Amino acid sequence: QVQLVESGGGLVQAGGSLRLSCAASGSIFSINAMGWYRQAPGKQRAFVASITSTGTTAYADSVKGRFTISRDNTKNTMYLQMNGLKFEDTAVYYCHEIISGGSWGQGTQVTVSS
């Protein structure tokens, strides 16, 4: 099973930027769609963005135009560039292997101060 480890979270002021990374173990990374999800306090985990093995992307309406998902299959790593951060982007961000029973990372905290 693929193991996923997120990094890059932190505290940032509103309007600032962060870049999250998701490092995956296992050569299967390059063939599966991958995604970012987030969970804010008291809320359910929600879809943020996804990317297929060939680079097709999709975004939640709330982050379109501000977040960019990408992947480097040679490094088994996925990224989420987050610009124009808002207070409501505060959450724990998880990367996920989008297949039945796919792996989840442990999450990385993003806190946006207003």
C-alpha atoms as a PDB file:
ATOM      1  CA  GLN A   1       0.000   0.000   0.000  1.00  0.00           C
ATOM      2  CA  VAL A   2       1.183   3.514  -0.818  1.00  0.00           C
ATOM      3  CA  GLN A   3       2.234   5.617   2.167  1.00  0.00           C
ATOM      4  CA  LEU A   4       1.635   9.357   1.960  1.00  0.00           C
ATOM      5  CA  VAL A   5       3.344  12.090   3.982  1.00  0.00           C
ATOM      6  CA  GLU A   6       2.239  15.709   3.806  1.00  0.00           C
ATOM      7  CA  SER A   7       4.397  18.714   4.641  1.00  0.00           C
ATOM      8  CA  GLY A   8       4.456  22.474   4.176  1.00  0.00           C
ATOM      9  CA  GLY A   9       1.639  23.566   6.421  1.00  0.00           C
ATOM     10  CA  GLY A  10       1.955  26.437   8.844  1.00  0.00           C
ATOM     11  CA  LEU A  11       0.652  29.786  10.015  1.00  0.00           C
ATOM     12  CA  VAL A  12       0.206  32.515   7.433  1.00  0.00           C
ATOM     13  CA  GLN A  13      -1.567  35.847   7.269  1.00  0.00           C
ATOM     14  CA  ALA A  14      -4.594  36.294   5.069  1.00  0.00           C
ATOM     15  CA  GLY A  15      -3.510  36.994   1.513  1.00  0.00           C
ATOM     16  CA  GLY A  16      -0.345  34.972   1.920  1.00  0.00           C
ATOM     17  CA  SER A  17       0.808  31.782   0.252  1.00  0.00           C
ATOM     18  CA  LEU A  18       1.848  28.277   1.197  1.00  0.00           C
ATOM     19  CA  ARG A  19       2.962  25.268  -0.786  1.00  0.00           C
ATOM     20  CA  LEU A  20       1.992  21.833   0.458  1.00  0.00           C
ATOM     21  CA  SER A  21       3.800  18.677  -0.583  1.00  0.00           C
ATOM     22  CA  CYS A  22       2.694  15.055  -0.476  1.00  0.00           C
ATOM     23  CA  ALA A  23       5.469  12.496  -0.754  1.00  0.00           C
ATOM     24  CA  ALA A  24       4.428   8.975  -1.706  1.00  0.00           C
ATOM     25  CA  SER A  25       6.224   5.701  -1.301  1.00  0.00           C
ATOM     26  CA  GLY A  26       5.798   3.026  -3.925  1.00  0.00           C
ATOM     27  CA  SER A  27       6.086   3.073  -7.681  1.00  0.00           C
ATOM     28  CA  ILE A  28       2.306   2.874  -8.150  1.00  0.00           C
ATOM     29  CA  PHE A  29       2.034   6.624  -7.470  1.00  0.00           C
ATOM     30  CA  SER A  30       2.412   7.535 -11.136  1.00  0.00           C
ATOM     31  CA  ILE A  31      -0.688   5.653 -12.312  1.00  0.00           C
ATOM     32  CA  ASN A  32      -3.300   6.785  -9.797  1.00  0.00           C
ATOM     33  CA  ALA A  33      -5.273   9.968  -9.517  1.00  0.00           C
ATOM     34  CA  MET A  34      -4.359  11.928  -6.402  1.00  0.00           C
ATOM     35  CA  GLY A  35      -6.178  14.578  -4.458  1.00  0.00           C
ATOM     36  CA  TRP A  36      -6.087  17.115  -1.662  1.00  0.00           C
ATOM     37  CA  TYR A  37      -8.835  17.276   0.923  1.00  0.00           C
ATOM     38  CA  ARG A  38      -9.256  19.427   4.012  1.00  0.00           C
ATOM     39  CA  GLN A  39     -11.077  19.278   7.295  1.00  0.00           C
ATOM     40  CA  ALA A  40     -11.864  22.369   9.291  1.00  0.00           C
ATOM     41  CA  PRO A  41     -12.773  22.174  12.991  1.00  0.00           C
ATOM     42  CA  GLY A  42     -16.295  20.888  13.418  1.00  0.00           C
ATOM     43  CA  LYS A  43     -16.727  20.168   9.723  1.00  0.00           C
ATOM     44  CA  GLN A  44     -16.533  17.115   7.509  1.00  0.00           C
ATOM     45  CA  ARG A  45     -13.541  16.419   5.325  1.00  0.00           C
ATOM     46  CA  ALA A  46     -14.035  18.138   1.962  1.00  0.00           C
ATOM     47  CA  PHE A  47     -12.568  17.888  -1.513  1.00  0.00           C
ATOM     48  CA  VAL A  48     -10.093  20.602  -2.490  1.00  0.00           C
ATOM     49  CA  ALA A  49      -8.410  19.510  -5.720  1.00  0.00           C
ATOM     50  CA  SER A  50      -7.440  16.455  -7.743  1.00  0.00           C
ATOM     51  CA  ILE A  51      -5.066  15.515 -10.516  1.00  0.00           C
ATOM     52  CA  THR A  52      -5.038  12.464 -12.757  1.00  0.00           C
ATOM     53  CA  SER A  53      -1.960  10.535 -13.824  1.00  0.00           C
ATOM     54  CA  THR A  54      -1.915  12.547 -17.061  1.00  0.00           C
ATOM     55  CA  GLY A  55      -2.314  15.913 -15.368  1.00  0.00           C
ATOM     56  CA  THR A  56      -6.017  16.664 -15.698  1.00  0.00           C
ATOM     57  CA  THR A  57      -7.051  18.787 -12.720  1.00  0.00           C
ATOM     58  CA  ALA A  58     -10.244  19.624 -10.871  1.00  0.00           C
ATOM     59  CA  TYR A  59     -10.919  22.106  -8.078  1.00  0.00           C
ATOM     60  CA  ALA A  60     -13.545  22.937  -5.521  1.00  0.00           C
ATOM     61  CA  ASP A  61     -15.295  26.188  -6.403  1.00  0.00           C
ATOM     62  CA  SER A  62     -14.015  27.781  -3.207  1.00  0.00           C
ATOM     63  CA  VAL A  63     -10.368  27.497  -4.273  1.00  0.00           C
ATOM     64  CA  LYS A  64     -10.558  27.957  -8.043  1.00  0.00           C
ATOM     65  CA  GLY A  65      -8.179  30.631  -9.235  1.00  0.00           C
ATOM     66  CA  ARG A  66      -6.240  30.610  -5.956  1.00  0.00           C
ATOM     67  CA  PHE A  67      -4.930  27.037  -5.577  1.00  0.00           C
ATOM     68  CA  THR A  68      -2.932  25.008  -8.081  1.00  0.00           C
ATOM     69  CA  ILE A  69      -2.416  21.255  -7.854  1.00  0.00           C
ATOM     70  CA  SER A  70       0.500  19.576  -9.578  1.00  0.00           C
ATOM     71  CA  ARG A  71       2.511  16.387  -9.445  1.00  0.00           C
ATOM     72  CA  ASP A  72       6.000  15.196 -10.280  1.00  0.00           C
ATOM     73  CA  ASN A  73       5.810  11.477 -11.000  1.00  0.00           C
ATOM     74  CA  THR A  74       9.613  11.237 -11.156  1.00  0.00           C
ATOM     75  CA  LYS A  75       9.727  12.308  -7.501  1.00  0.00           C
ATOM     76  CA  ASN A  76       6.524  10.538  -6.395  1.00  0.00           C
ATOM     77  CA  THR A  77       5.342  13.894  -5.064  1.00  0.00           C
ATOM     78  CA  MET A  78       2.187  15.961  -5.378  1.00  0.00           C
ATOM     79  CA  TYR A  79       1.912  19.646  -4.578  1.00  0.00           C
ATOM     80  CA  LEU A  80      -0.716  22.215  -3.709  1.00  0.00           C
ATOM     81  CA  GLN A  81       0.256  25.833  -4.273  1.00  0.00           C
ATOM     82  CA  MET A  82      -2.090  28.007  -2.250  1.00  0.00           C
ATOM     83  CA  ASN A  83      -2.199  31.729  -2.984  1.00  0.00           C
ATOM     84  CA  GLY A  84      -4.515  34.420  -1.699  1.00  0.00           C
ATOM     85  CA  LEU A  85      -5.211  32.448   1.447  1.00  0.00           C
ATOM     86  CA  LYS A  86      -8.326  33.298   3.407  1.00  0.00           C
ATOM     87  CA  PHE A  87      -9.276  32.694   7.024  1.00  0.00           C
ATOM     88  CA  GLU A  88     -11.776  30.082   5.850  1.00  0.00           C
ATOM     89  CA  ASP A  89      -8.954  28.043   4.305  1.00  0.00           C
ATOM     90  CA  THR A  90      -7.832  27.146   7.824  1.00  0.00           C
ATOM     91  CA  ALA A  91      -7.966  23.358   8.110  1.00  0.00           C
ATOM     92  CA  VAL A  92      -5.955  20.185   8.253  1.00  0.00           C
ATOM     93  CA  TYR A  93      -5.021  19.279   4.688  1.00  0.00           C
ATOM     94  CA  TYR A  94      -4.750  15.657   3.614  1.00  0.00           C
ATOM     95  CA  CYS A  95      -3.496  14.026   0.475  1.00  0.00           C
ATOM     96  CA  HIS A  96      -5.313  10.973  -0.812  1.00  0.00           C
ATOM     97  CA  GLU A  97      -4.856   8.288  -3.388  1.00  0.00           C
ATOM     98  CA  ILE A  98      -8.138   8.369  -5.305  1.00  0.00           C
ATOM     99  CA  ILE A  99      -8.895   4.696  -5.676  1.00  0.00           C
ATOM    100  CA  SER A 100     -11.113   2.336  -3.719  1.00  0.00           C
ATOM    101  CA  GLY A 101      -9.454   1.906  -0.342  1.00  0.00           C
ATOM    102  CA  GLY A 102      -6.795   4.434  -1.264  1.00  0.00           C
ATOM    103  CA  SER A 103      -4.278   5.711   1.245  1.00  0.00           C
ATOM    104  CA  TRP A 104      -4.539   8.934   3.230  1.00  0.00           C
ATOM    105  CA  GLY A 105      -1.714  10.956   4.698  1.00  0.00           C
ATOM    106  CA  GLN A 106      -1.604  12.045   8.315  1.00  0.00           C
ATOM    107  CA  GLY A 107      -2.455  15.642   7.455  1.00  0.00           C
ATOM    108  CA  THR A 108      -0.741  19.001   7.758  1.00  0.00           C
ATOM    109  CA  GLN A 109      -2.229  21.997   9.560  1.00  0.00           C
ATOM    110  CA  VAL A 110      -2.804  25.229   7.681  1.00  0.00           C
ATOM    111  CA  THR A 111      -3.811  28.215   9.782  1.00  0.00           C
ATOM    112  CA  VAL A 112      -4.673  31.535   8.187  1.00  0.00           C
ATOM    113  CA  SER A 113      -4.851  34.525  10.485  1.00  0.00           C
ATOM    114  CA  SER A 114      -7.231  37.305   9.592  1.00  0.00           C
END
